[in-house]
Structures are given as structure tokens and as C-alpha cells.
Amino acid sequence: MKLPVACLVAATSLLSTFNHLASDTLNRVQPPSGYSKSQTPQNNLDQFFRVSSNARWLVDKRHGVVSAWSLVDNAPLWSPNGVVFRVSNSKTNAVKELTKLDIPTIPATEIFGRVYFFLNDVSARRALSSAPANFRQDNLLIALDPNAQGRLVWKRRAQDFAPFFPSCDKRALVFVDDIQPLPNDELLVQVAAERETKRFALNAATGEPRLLAPAELR
């Protein structure tokens, strides 16, 4: 049976309109290009173990807590619950619950006798509650000393690097990629804004940043 030409035209027009709306909807819900994917191995994990030369570090990004555990058994190090760092002062039972779970284990970034972890800055969660979830991923970097019972050496928020970016890109910065060693006791870190990513050398002792010139990146 043949359809009238008018019906075919109407159906074609309706299909075209539907495809346009669907495409437009997909485009509107896509995250900004600068936040589509972080390159850190733990990006899509909320909790995981990082193994260094003398400890297993239980990193709980959801609660902003890092605890240290023995390499040979499930015993906490240096304190009853092993906690060495909290982003927020609020107490949680997350450590106790996490030790019962099957959590992924990946190597720790251990450079200059210290270990480094990216966390979510949960202390800023309320202020950023209206932002997409990935705006809060890996926006805090901490350096811990495993030879001093996991003492915090320094911390840097991604937002500390805002002066190096144009004003339109300062809304929510994140760290991407793993940390790498550089000569002269410096660390290479990368900070991403919505439109660009910049590389910095951090003083391993203090965490002070230095923007790397293009010639230094070769």
C-alpha cells in the first residue's frame, strides 16, 4: 500500500525534528571538554589501596580520608584506626567499613621519600554542590612522609593554581595525570581547566609551584 506524499513528507519532517532534538539534548548534557576524563588511574574509584615501600595506604576519596595499613596483615599503622589525614575534621566510620571490602590495589606514587595522593576536597563540597560531580575530582594533592608515621608535609588545592589561568577558566581546576619526578628535587604536576592544561614544577619540600615554560617541557 502506498502512503500519500503528504504523509511521507510529514513523517520525514517529524523524524528530522526528533533527531535534531535528540542531538541537541546530548550536546547540552555533555560535560565540558576539559573535564571529560581525568588521566589519573584512580579517577573512577572512590576507595582504593596504594602500596608503597613500607605501607598500604587506604585512600577514601569519598570522605577525604587516608589511612595507613601494614603490608603483611590487616593491621592499622601508627594509630588505632590508621588514619593519617582527613580533609575535614568530621569523624566517620568509613575506615572500619572499607577494610571489609574487596578494594583495588595500585602502586603508590613515591618520590623523594614521600608518598603523594590526589583527593576530593570534600570541605568545599557544599560550596560546589551545584557543579557537576567531576568538577570535584582530584582537586587536592597531599604529600605524606611514611618515615614520620604518615605526617602531612604539605598540601595543595588545584584552586591554588588559579592565578596561572585566565579568569574564565578559574571556576573549577583539577589535577590530571600522575606525578612525575623532575631534577632539582621538583615534581611535575598537571592542572586542567575547562579550556587548557598547564604543567607545573612543585618544590618537593614545600609544594611551592612554578609554571613550566614550553622549552622545559621538551
Protein backbone atom coordinates (compact mmCIF):
# COMPACT_ATOMS: atom_id res chain seq x y z
CA MET A 1 0.00 0.00 0.00
CA LYS A 2 1.34 3.40 -0.97
CA LEU A 3 1.30 6.26 1.51
CA PRO A 4 0.19 9.69 0.30
CA VAL A 5 3.05 12.04 -0.48
CA ALA A 6 1.85 14.44 2.22
CA CYS A 7 2.15 11.70 4.86
CA LEU A 8 5.67 10.80 3.76
CA VAL A 9 6.72 14.45 3.92
CA ALA A 10 5.21 14.84 7.38
CA ALA A 11 6.89 11.67 8.66
CA THR A 12 10.25 12.72 7.25
CA SER A 13 9.91 16.15 8.83
CA LEU A 14 8.96 14.64 12.20
CA LEU A 15 11.91 12.22 12.13
CA SER A 16 14.29 15.05 11.27
CA THR A 17 12.94 17.15 14.12
CA PHE A 18 13.29 14.24 16.56
CA ASN A 19 16.90 13.59 15.53
CA HIS A 20 17.73 17.27 15.90
CA LEU A 21 16.21 17.42 19.38
CA ALA A 22 17.98 14.24 20.47
CA SER A 23 21.31 15.54 19.17
CA ASP A 24 20.74 18.89 20.85
CA THR A 25 19.91 17.18 24.16
CA LEU A 26 23.05 15.05 24.03
CA ASN A 27 25.18 18.10 23.28
CA ARG A 28 23.69 20.01 26.20
CA VAL A 29 24.30 17.28 28.78
CA GLN A 30 27.87 16.52 27.78
CA PRO A 31 30.45 17.72 30.38
CA PRO A 32 32.89 20.48 29.38
CA SER A 33 35.75 19.16 27.27
CA GLY A 34 38.35 19.90 29.93
CA TYR A 35 36.57 17.64 32.43
CA SER A 36 35.57 14.75 30.21
CA LYS A 37 38.19 12.42 31.66
CA SER A 38 40.97 12.68 34.19
CA GLN A 39 44.06 10.67 33.33
CA THR A 40 44.84 9.50 36.88
CA PRO A 41 44.50 5.71 37.28
CA GLN A 42 42.25 6.13 40.33
CA ASN A 43 39.95 8.67 38.65
CA ASN A 44 36.86 6.45 38.59
CA LEU A 45 37.49 4.89 42.01
CA ASP A 46 36.15 6.24 45.28
CA GLN A 47 38.26 3.98 47.50
CA PHE A 48 41.45 2.03 46.83
CA PHE A 49 44.75 0.90 48.34
CA ARG A 50 48.04 2.47 47.27
CA VAL A 51 51.06 0.33 48.08
CA SER A 52 54.42 1.97 48.89
CA SER A 53 57.67 0.53 50.20
CA ASN A 54 56.56 0.39 53.84
CA ALA A 55 52.76 0.65 53.97
CA ARG A 56 49.41 0.16 52.29
CA TRP A 57 47.57 3.46 52.11
CA LEU A 58 43.80 3.25 52.13
CA VAL A 59 42.61 6.26 50.14
CA ASP A 60 38.95 7.14 50.61
CA LYS A 61 38.21 9.98 48.23
CA ARG A 62 34.51 9.99 49.08
CA HIS A 63 35.20 11.02 52.69
CA GLY A 64 38.61 12.65 52.16
CA VAL A 65 40.46 10.23 54.44
CA VAL A 66 43.84 8.47 54.09
CA SER A 67 44.86 5.70 56.49
CA ALA A 68 47.99 3.54 56.69
CA TRP A 69 47.97 -0.25 56.97
CA SER A 70 50.56 -2.98 57.37
CA LEU A 71 51.96 -4.65 54.28
CA VAL A 72 51.71 -8.11 55.85
CA ASP A 73 48.32 -8.11 57.58
CA ASN A 74 45.15 -6.10 58.01
CA ALA A 75 46.50 -4.10 60.96
CA PRO A 76 46.46 -0.29 61.05
CA LEU A 77 49.75 1.55 61.47
CA TRP A 78 50.65 4.31 63.94
CA SER A 79 47.15 4.72 65.42
CA PRO A 80 44.14 2.56 66.38
CA ASN A 81 42.40 3.21 63.04
CA GLY A 82 45.47 4.05 60.95
CA VAL A 83 44.13 7.46 59.90
CA VAL A 84 46.95 9.85 58.98
CA PHE A 85 44.99 12.54 57.13
CA ARG A 86 41.45 13.92 56.98
CA VAL A 87 40.32 16.67 54.62
CA SER A 88 37.53 17.54 57.05
CA ASN A 89 37.53 17.26 60.84
CA SER A 90 34.23 15.40 60.82
CA LYS A 91 34.64 11.82 62.00
CA THR A 92 33.30 8.87 60.02
CA ASN A 93 33.31 5.09 60.36
CA ALA A 94 34.38 4.77 56.74
CA VAL A 95 37.77 3.25 57.57
CA LYS A 96 36.24 0.38 59.56
CA GLU A 97 33.74 -0.37 56.83
CA LEU A 98 36.22 -0.13 53.97
CA THR A 99 38.61 -2.69 55.43
CA LYS A 100 35.89 -5.30 54.99
CA LEU A 101 35.56 -4.67 51.27
CA ASP A 102 37.46 -6.00 48.29
CA ILE A 103 39.21 -2.77 47.28
CA PRO A 104 41.51 -2.35 44.25
CA THR A 105 45.24 -2.09 44.96
CA ILE A 106 47.55 0.05 42.82
CA PRO A 107 51.15 1.28 43.27
CA ALA A 108 51.71 4.47 45.25
CA THR A 109 53.48 7.50 43.83
CA GLU A 110 56.61 7.53 45.99
CA ILE A 111 59.22 10.20 45.20
CA PHE A 112 61.92 11.79 47.39
CA GLY A 113 60.94 9.52 50.29
CA ARG A 114 57.33 10.75 50.33
CA VAL A 115 54.01 9.50 49.04
CA TYR A 116 51.51 11.64 47.16
CA PHE A 117 47.76 11.28 46.81
CA PHE A 118 45.02 13.08 44.92
CA LEU A 119 41.81 13.51 46.89
CA ASN A 120 38.45 15.22 46.51
CA ASP A 121 38.32 18.38 48.56
CA VAL A 122 35.20 17.37 50.48
CA SER A 123 35.49 20.51 52.63
CA ALA A 124 34.36 22.50 49.55
CA ARG A 125 31.54 20.13 48.64
CA ARG A 126 28.75 22.36 49.94
CA ALA A 127 30.02 25.39 48.04
CA LEU A 128 30.23 23.35 44.83
CA SER A 129 27.05 21.35 45.30
CA SER A 130 25.53 22.77 42.11
CA ALA A 131 28.56 21.90 39.96
CA PRO A 132 28.89 18.62 38.02
CA ALA A 133 30.39 15.83 40.12
CA ASN A 134 33.59 15.66 38.06
CA PHE A 135 34.36 19.27 38.99
CA ARG A 136 35.39 17.93 42.39
CA GLN A 137 37.58 15.05 41.27
CA ASP A 138 41.28 15.16 42.14
CA ASN A 139 41.30 18.78 43.29
CA LEU A 140 43.51 18.26 46.35
CA LEU A 141 47.11 16.98 46.40
CA ILE A 142 48.77 15.90 49.65
CA ALA A 143 52.35 14.85 50.42
CA LEU A 144 52.86 12.45 53.34
CA ASP A 145 56.09 11.28 54.99
CA PRO A 146 55.99 7.49 55.53
CA ASN A 147 59.13 7.70 57.67
CA ALA A 148 57.36 10.03 60.11
CA GLN A 149 54.22 7.97 60.71
CA GLY A 150 52.49 9.42 57.68
CA ARG A 151 52.87 13.04 58.76
CA LEU A 152 51.42 15.63 56.38
CA VAL A 153 54.31 17.51 54.76
CA TRP A 154 52.24 19.87 52.60
CA LYS A 155 49.02 20.08 50.63
CA ARG A 156 47.98 21.96 47.51
CA ARG A 157 44.50 22.58 46.21
CA ALA A 158 44.06 22.76 42.45
CA GLN A 159 42.39 26.11 43.01
CA ASP A 160 45.73 27.43 44.33
CA PHE A 161 46.85 27.47 40.69
CA ALA A 162 44.05 29.80 39.60
CA PRO A 163 46.38 32.83 39.20
CA PHE A 164 48.06 31.00 36.32
CA PHE A 165 44.81 30.67 34.35
CA PRO A 166 42.52 33.20 32.63
CA SER A 167 39.61 34.38 34.77
CA CYS A 168 37.10 32.44 32.64
CA ASP A 169 38.87 29.17 33.47
CA LYS A 170 39.16 29.54 37.24
CA ARG A 171 35.82 28.06 38.24
CA ALA A 172 36.97 24.52 38.96
CA LEU A 173 40.52 23.29 38.40
CA VAL A 174 41.59 19.66 38.75
CA PHE A 175 44.82 17.69 38.81
CA VAL A 176 45.33 15.24 35.93
CA ASP A 177 47.88 12.51 35.25
CA ASP A 178 50.23 11.04 37.81
CA ILE A 179 53.02 12.99 39.47
CA GLN A 180 56.49 12.60 37.95
CA PRO A 181 59.94 13.39 39.38
CA LEU A 182 61.96 16.29 37.97
CA PRO A 183 65.60 17.32 38.55
CA ASN A 184 66.49 19.58 41.49
CA ASP A 185 64.01 17.98 43.92
CA GLU A 186 60.94 19.08 42.00
CA LEU A 187 57.76 17.29 40.98
CA LEU A 188 55.85 17.54 37.74
CA VAL A 189 52.09 18.02 38.12
CA GLN A 190 49.44 18.97 35.60
CA VAL A 191 46.42 21.13 36.32
CA ALA A 192 43.45 21.21 33.95
CA ALA A 193 40.96 24.00 33.42
CA GLU A 194 38.00 23.82 31.07
CA ARG A 195 39.98 25.02 28.06
CA GLU A 196 43.60 24.11 28.73
CA THR A 197 46.03 22.12 30.82
CA LYS A 198 49.21 23.57 32.29
CA ARG A 199 52.27 21.90 33.75
CA PHE A 200 53.97 22.95 36.95
CA ALA A 201 57.11 22.07 38.87
CA LEU A 202 56.45 21.79 42.61
CA ASN A 203 59.16 22.11 45.22
CA ALA A 204 59.26 18.65 46.80
CA ALA A 205 59.95 20.11 50.25
CA THR A 206 57.30 22.84 50.31
CA GLY A 207 54.88 22.22 47.42
CA GLU A 208 55.51 25.73 46.03
CA PRO A 209 54.57 25.80 42.32
CA ARG A 210 56.49 27.08 39.33
CA LEU A 211 54.87 27.29 35.91
CA LEU A 212 56.97 25.39 33.41
CA ALA A 213 57.99 27.23 30.26
CA PRO A 214 57.36 25.46 26.91
CA ALA A 215 61.09 24.88 26.49
CA GLU A 216 61.19 22.94 29.77
CA LEU A 217 58.52 20.52 28.61
CA ARG A 218 60.54 19.02 25.78
